[in-house]
Amino acid sequence: MHRKLSLLLTLAAWLLATGSQWDLAQTFAWGRMFVTYSRTMSVAQALQKTFDGEMCAICDAVQDAKQGQSPDGTTAPDNRLTAKMIFVGAPAAPFLTRPAVLCTGLAPDLSAPLSADRSAPPSPPPRVLA
């Protein structure tokens, strides 16, 4: 469930970052115009009138919003910053290792099972007094 939610949120963020919300709003406006026109005229005439260039209020809002965006799809701010932001990360600590030959005897031998030194558990297991 967590993976599906994160994928859905990533997809939504990508669509919003690329300006797809304006395409969805434009599609909604065209659908609304087509339904309105098809009530009073034939389907072919309604389709032609929907895409003849006449704009509704939603189409105007979408066009204004798209003109406010830069060519790469991001919203262009009215005032540009003249200073640059510099991100400086702390340098990583040096990671030193020894050759394997010098490390013998420093770490316990992990090839033996860990339970070799332990005694067997009691049989049958002890009961809890109630």
C-alpha atoms as a PDB file:
ATOM      1  CA  MET A   1       0.000   0.000   0.000  1.00  0.00           C
ATOM      2  CA  HIS A   2       2.830   2.372   0.895  1.00  0.00           C
ATOM      3  CA  ARG A   3       4.562   1.716  -2.441  1.00  0.00           C
ATOM      4  CA  LYS A   4       1.378   2.371  -4.416  1.00  0.00           C
ATOM      5  CA  LEU A   5       0.772   5.619  -2.551  1.00  0.00           C
ATOM      6  CA  SER A   6       4.331   6.822  -3.139  1.00  0.00           C
ATOM      7  CA  LEU A   7       4.079   5.968  -6.856  1.00  0.00           C
ATOM      8  CA  LEU A   8       0.751   7.792  -7.107  1.00  0.00           C
ATOM      9  CA  LEU A   9       2.149  10.879  -5.372  1.00  0.00           C
ATOM     10  CA  THR A  10       5.248  10.816  -7.588  1.00  0.00           C
ATOM     11  CA  LEU A  11       3.078  10.616 -10.704  1.00  0.00           C
ATOM     12  CA  ALA A  12       0.894  13.489  -9.482  1.00  0.00           C
ATOM     13  CA  ALA A  13       3.967  15.631  -8.733  1.00  0.00           C
ATOM     14  CA  TRP A  14       5.411  14.875 -12.173  1.00  0.00           C
ATOM     15  CA  LEU A  15       2.148  15.777 -13.921  1.00  0.00           C
ATOM     16  CA  LEU A  16       1.872  19.041 -11.996  1.00  0.00           C
ATOM     17  CA  ALA A  17       5.525  19.900 -12.624  1.00  0.00           C
ATOM     18  CA  THR A  18       5.100  19.469 -16.379  1.00  0.00           C
ATOM     19  CA  GLY A  19       1.934  21.596 -16.546  1.00  0.00           C
ATOM     20  CA  SER A  20      -0.462  18.773 -17.334  1.00  0.00           C
ATOM     21  CA  GLN A  21      -3.125  20.321 -15.115  1.00  0.00           C
ATOM     22  CA  TRP A  22      -3.744  22.909 -17.852  1.00  0.00           C
ATOM     23  CA  ASP A  23      -4.185  20.163 -20.447  1.00  0.00           C
ATOM     24  CA  LEU A  24      -6.733  18.467 -18.197  1.00  0.00           C
ATOM     25  CA  ALA A  25      -8.563  21.762 -17.653  1.00  0.00           C
ATOM     26  CA  GLN A  26      -8.596  22.414 -21.423  1.00  0.00           C
ATOM     27  CA  THR A  27      -9.962  18.922 -22.092  1.00  0.00           C
ATOM     28  CA  PHE A  28     -12.679  19.537 -19.496  1.00  0.00           C
ATOM     29  CA  ALA A  29     -13.558  22.855 -21.160  1.00  0.00           C
ATOM     30  CA  TRP A  30     -13.802  21.253 -24.593  1.00  0.00           C
ATOM     31  CA  GLY A  31     -16.002  18.474 -23.215  1.00  0.00           C
ATOM     32  CA  ARG A  32     -18.257  20.990 -21.518  1.00  0.00           C
ATOM     33  CA  MET A  33     -18.521  23.087 -24.683  1.00  0.00           C
ATOM     34  CA  PHE A  34     -19.283  19.996 -26.789  1.00  0.00           C
ATOM     35  CA  VAL A  35     -22.055  18.855 -24.432  1.00  0.00           C
ATOM     36  CA  THR A  36     -23.572  22.347 -24.373  1.00  0.00           C
ATOM     37  CA  TYR A  37     -23.515  22.691 -28.166  1.00  0.00           C
ATOM     38  CA  SER A  38     -24.763  19.147 -28.825  1.00  0.00           C
ATOM     39  CA  ARG A  39     -27.996  19.892 -26.952  1.00  0.00           C
ATOM     40  CA  THR A  40     -29.123  22.308 -29.638  1.00  0.00           C
ATOM     41  CA  MET A  41     -27.321  21.118 -32.795  1.00  0.00           C
ATOM     42  CA  SER A  42     -26.035  17.974 -34.454  1.00  0.00           C
ATOM     43  CA  VAL A  43     -22.913  16.191 -33.239  1.00  0.00           C
ATOM     44  CA  ALA A  44     -20.877  17.244 -36.295  1.00  0.00           C
ATOM     45  CA  GLN A  45     -21.860  20.889 -35.889  1.00  0.00           C
ATOM     46  CA  ALA A  46     -21.200  20.789 -32.133  1.00  0.00           C
ATOM     47  CA  LEU A  47     -17.766  19.287 -32.729  1.00  0.00           C
ATOM     48  CA  GLN A  48     -16.946  21.909 -35.357  1.00  0.00           C
ATOM     49  CA  LYS A  49     -18.152  24.781 -33.163  1.00  0.00           C
ATOM     50  CA  THR A  50     -16.198  23.438 -30.161  1.00  0.00           C
ATOM     51  CA  PHE A  51     -12.887  23.647 -32.026  1.00  0.00           C
ATOM     52  CA  ASP A  52     -13.538  26.686 -34.254  1.00  0.00           C
ATOM     53  CA  GLY A  53     -11.479  29.007 -32.056  1.00  0.00           C
ATOM     54  CA  GLU A  54     -14.266  30.538 -29.982  1.00  0.00           C
ATOM     55  CA  MET A  55     -13.109  30.483 -26.368  1.00  0.00           C
ATOM     56  CA  CYS A  56     -15.088  30.034 -23.178  1.00  0.00           C
ATOM     57  CA  ALA A  57     -14.069  31.360 -19.748  1.00  0.00           C
ATOM     58  CA  ILE A  58     -12.166  28.187 -18.888  1.00  0.00           C
ATOM     59  CA  CYS A  59     -10.292  28.265 -22.217  1.00  0.00           C
ATOM     60  CA  ASP A  60      -9.289  31.888 -21.549  1.00  0.00           C
ATOM     61  CA  ALA A  61      -8.042  31.009 -18.059  1.00  0.00           C
ATOM     62  CA  VAL A  62      -6.029  28.068 -19.413  1.00  0.00           C
ATOM     63  CA  GLN A  63      -4.500  30.189 -22.169  1.00  0.00           C
ATOM     64  CA  ASP A  64      -3.521  32.919 -19.687  1.00  0.00           C
ATOM     65  CA  ALA A  65      -1.972  30.341 -17.359  1.00  0.00           C
ATOM     66  CA  LYS A  66       0.004  28.694 -20.170  1.00  0.00           C
ATOM     67  CA  GLN A  67       1.347  32.055 -21.330  1.00  0.00           C
ATOM     68  CA  GLY A  68       2.647  32.652 -17.797  1.00  0.00           C
ATOM     69  CA  GLN A  69       4.835  29.562 -18.053  1.00  0.00           C
ATOM     70  CA  SER A  70       8.328  29.363 -19.459  1.00  0.00           C
ATOM     71  CA  PRO A  71       9.041  27.029 -22.408  1.00  0.00           C
ATOM     72  CA  ASP A  72      10.270  24.224 -20.142  1.00  0.00           C
ATOM     73  CA  GLY A  73       6.885  24.069 -18.389  1.00  0.00           C
ATOM     74  CA  THR A  74       7.786  25.802 -15.133  1.00  0.00           C
ATOM     75  CA  THR A  75       5.994  28.910 -13.964  1.00  0.00           C
ATOM     76  CA  ALA A  76       8.014  32.028 -14.653  1.00  0.00           C
ATOM     77  CA  PRO A  77       8.104  34.322 -11.599  1.00  0.00           C
ATOM     78  CA  ASP A  78       7.545  38.039 -12.054  1.00  0.00           C
ATOM     79  CA  ASN A  79      10.683  39.063 -10.195  1.00  0.00           C
ATOM     80  CA  ARG A  80      13.885  37.142 -10.806  1.00  0.00           C
ATOM     81  CA  LEU A  81      16.485  36.642  -8.120  1.00  0.00           C
ATOM     82  CA  THR A  82      19.878  38.088  -8.957  1.00  0.00           C
ATOM     83  CA  ALA A  83      21.793  36.143  -6.306  1.00  0.00           C
ATOM     84  CA  LYS A  84      22.672  32.490  -6.661  1.00  0.00           C
ATOM     85  CA  MET A  85      22.162  29.930  -3.954  1.00  0.00           C
ATOM     86  CA  ILE A  86      25.201  27.846  -3.137  1.00  0.00           C
ATOM     87  CA  PHE A  87      24.751  24.522  -1.362  1.00  0.00           C
ATOM     88  CA  VAL A  88      27.820  23.325   0.464  1.00  0.00           C
ATOM     89  CA  GLY A  89      27.909  19.863   1.963  1.00  0.00           C
ATOM     90  CA  ALA A  90      30.235  18.759   4.700  1.00  0.00           C
ATOM     91  CA  PRO A  91      33.127  16.673   3.382  1.00  0.00           C
ATOM     92  CA  ALA A  92      32.829  12.971   4.045  1.00  0.00           C
ATOM     93  CA  ALA A  93      35.049  11.479   6.714  1.00  0.00           C
ATOM     94  CA  PRO A  94      37.913   9.457   5.268  1.00  0.00           C
ATOM     95  CA  PHE A  95      37.276   5.709   5.305  1.00  0.00           C
ATOM     96  CA  LEU A  96      40.419   3.771   6.055  1.00  0.00           C
ATOM     97  CA  THR A  97      40.726   0.024   5.785  1.00  0.00           C
ATOM     98  CA  ARG A  98      43.465  -2.468   6.574  1.00  0.00           C
ATOM     99  CA  PRO A  99      44.512  -5.262   4.289  1.00  0.00           C
ATOM    100  CA  ALA A 100      42.887  -8.587   5.191  1.00  0.00           C
ATOM    101  CA  VAL A 101      46.236 -10.108   6.149  1.00  0.00           C
ATOM    102  CA  LEU A 102      46.736  -7.541   8.919  1.00  0.00           C
ATOM    103  CA  CYS A 103      43.168  -7.986  10.247  1.00  0.00           C
ATOM    104  CA  THR A 104      43.436 -11.675  11.125  1.00  0.00           C
ATOM    105  CA  GLY A 105      42.885 -12.241  14.827  1.00  0.00           C
ATOM    106  CA  LEU A 106      41.217  -8.838  15.378  1.00  0.00           C
ATOM    107  CA  ALA A 107      37.676 -10.077  14.733  1.00  0.00           C
ATOM    108  CA  PRO A 108      36.069 -13.237  16.140  1.00  0.00           C
ATOM    109  CA  ASP A 109      35.893 -16.263  13.886  1.00  0.00           C
ATOM    110  CA  LEU A 110      32.366 -16.232  12.472  1.00  0.00           C
ATOM    111  CA  SER A 111      32.643 -19.523  10.628  1.00  0.00           C
ATOM    112  CA  ALA A 112      31.622 -21.530  13.735  1.00  0.00           C
ATOM    113  CA  PRO A 113      27.925 -21.512  14.711  1.00  0.00           C
ATOM    114  CA  LEU A 114      27.106 -19.087  17.493  1.00  0.00           C
ATOM    115  CA  SER A 115      25.266 -21.740  19.514  1.00  0.00           C
ATOM    116  CA  ALA A 116      28.276 -24.074  19.785  1.00  0.00           C
ATOM    117  CA  ASP A 117      29.085 -22.849  23.316  1.00  0.00           C
ATOM    118  CA  ARG A 118      25.521 -23.020  24.606  1.00  0.00           C
ATOM    119  CA  SER A 119      23.896 -25.946  26.312  1.00  0.00           C
ATOM    120  CA  ALA A 120      20.739 -27.553  24.922  1.00  0.00           C
ATOM    121  CA  PRO A 121      17.444 -26.106  26.125  1.00  0.00           C
ATOM    122  CA  PRO A 122      15.574 -28.043  28.809  1.00  0.00           C
ATOM    123  CA  SER A 123      13.228 -30.694  27.496  1.00  0.00           C
ATOM    124  CA  PRO A 124      10.225 -30.343  27.895  1.00  0.00           C
ATOM    125  CA  PRO A 125      10.083 -26.536  28.161  1.00  0.00           C
ATOM    126  CA  PRO A 126       9.256 -25.141  31.595  1.00  0.00           C
ATOM    127  CA  ARG A 127       5.582 -24.290  32.207  1.00  0.00           C
ATOM    128  CA  VAL A 128       4.412 -20.929  33.435  1.00  0.00           C
ATOM    129  CA  LEU A 129       2.915 -21.010  36.902  1.00  0.00           C
ATOM    130  CA  ALA A 130      -0.534 -19.520  36.940  1.00  0.00           C
END
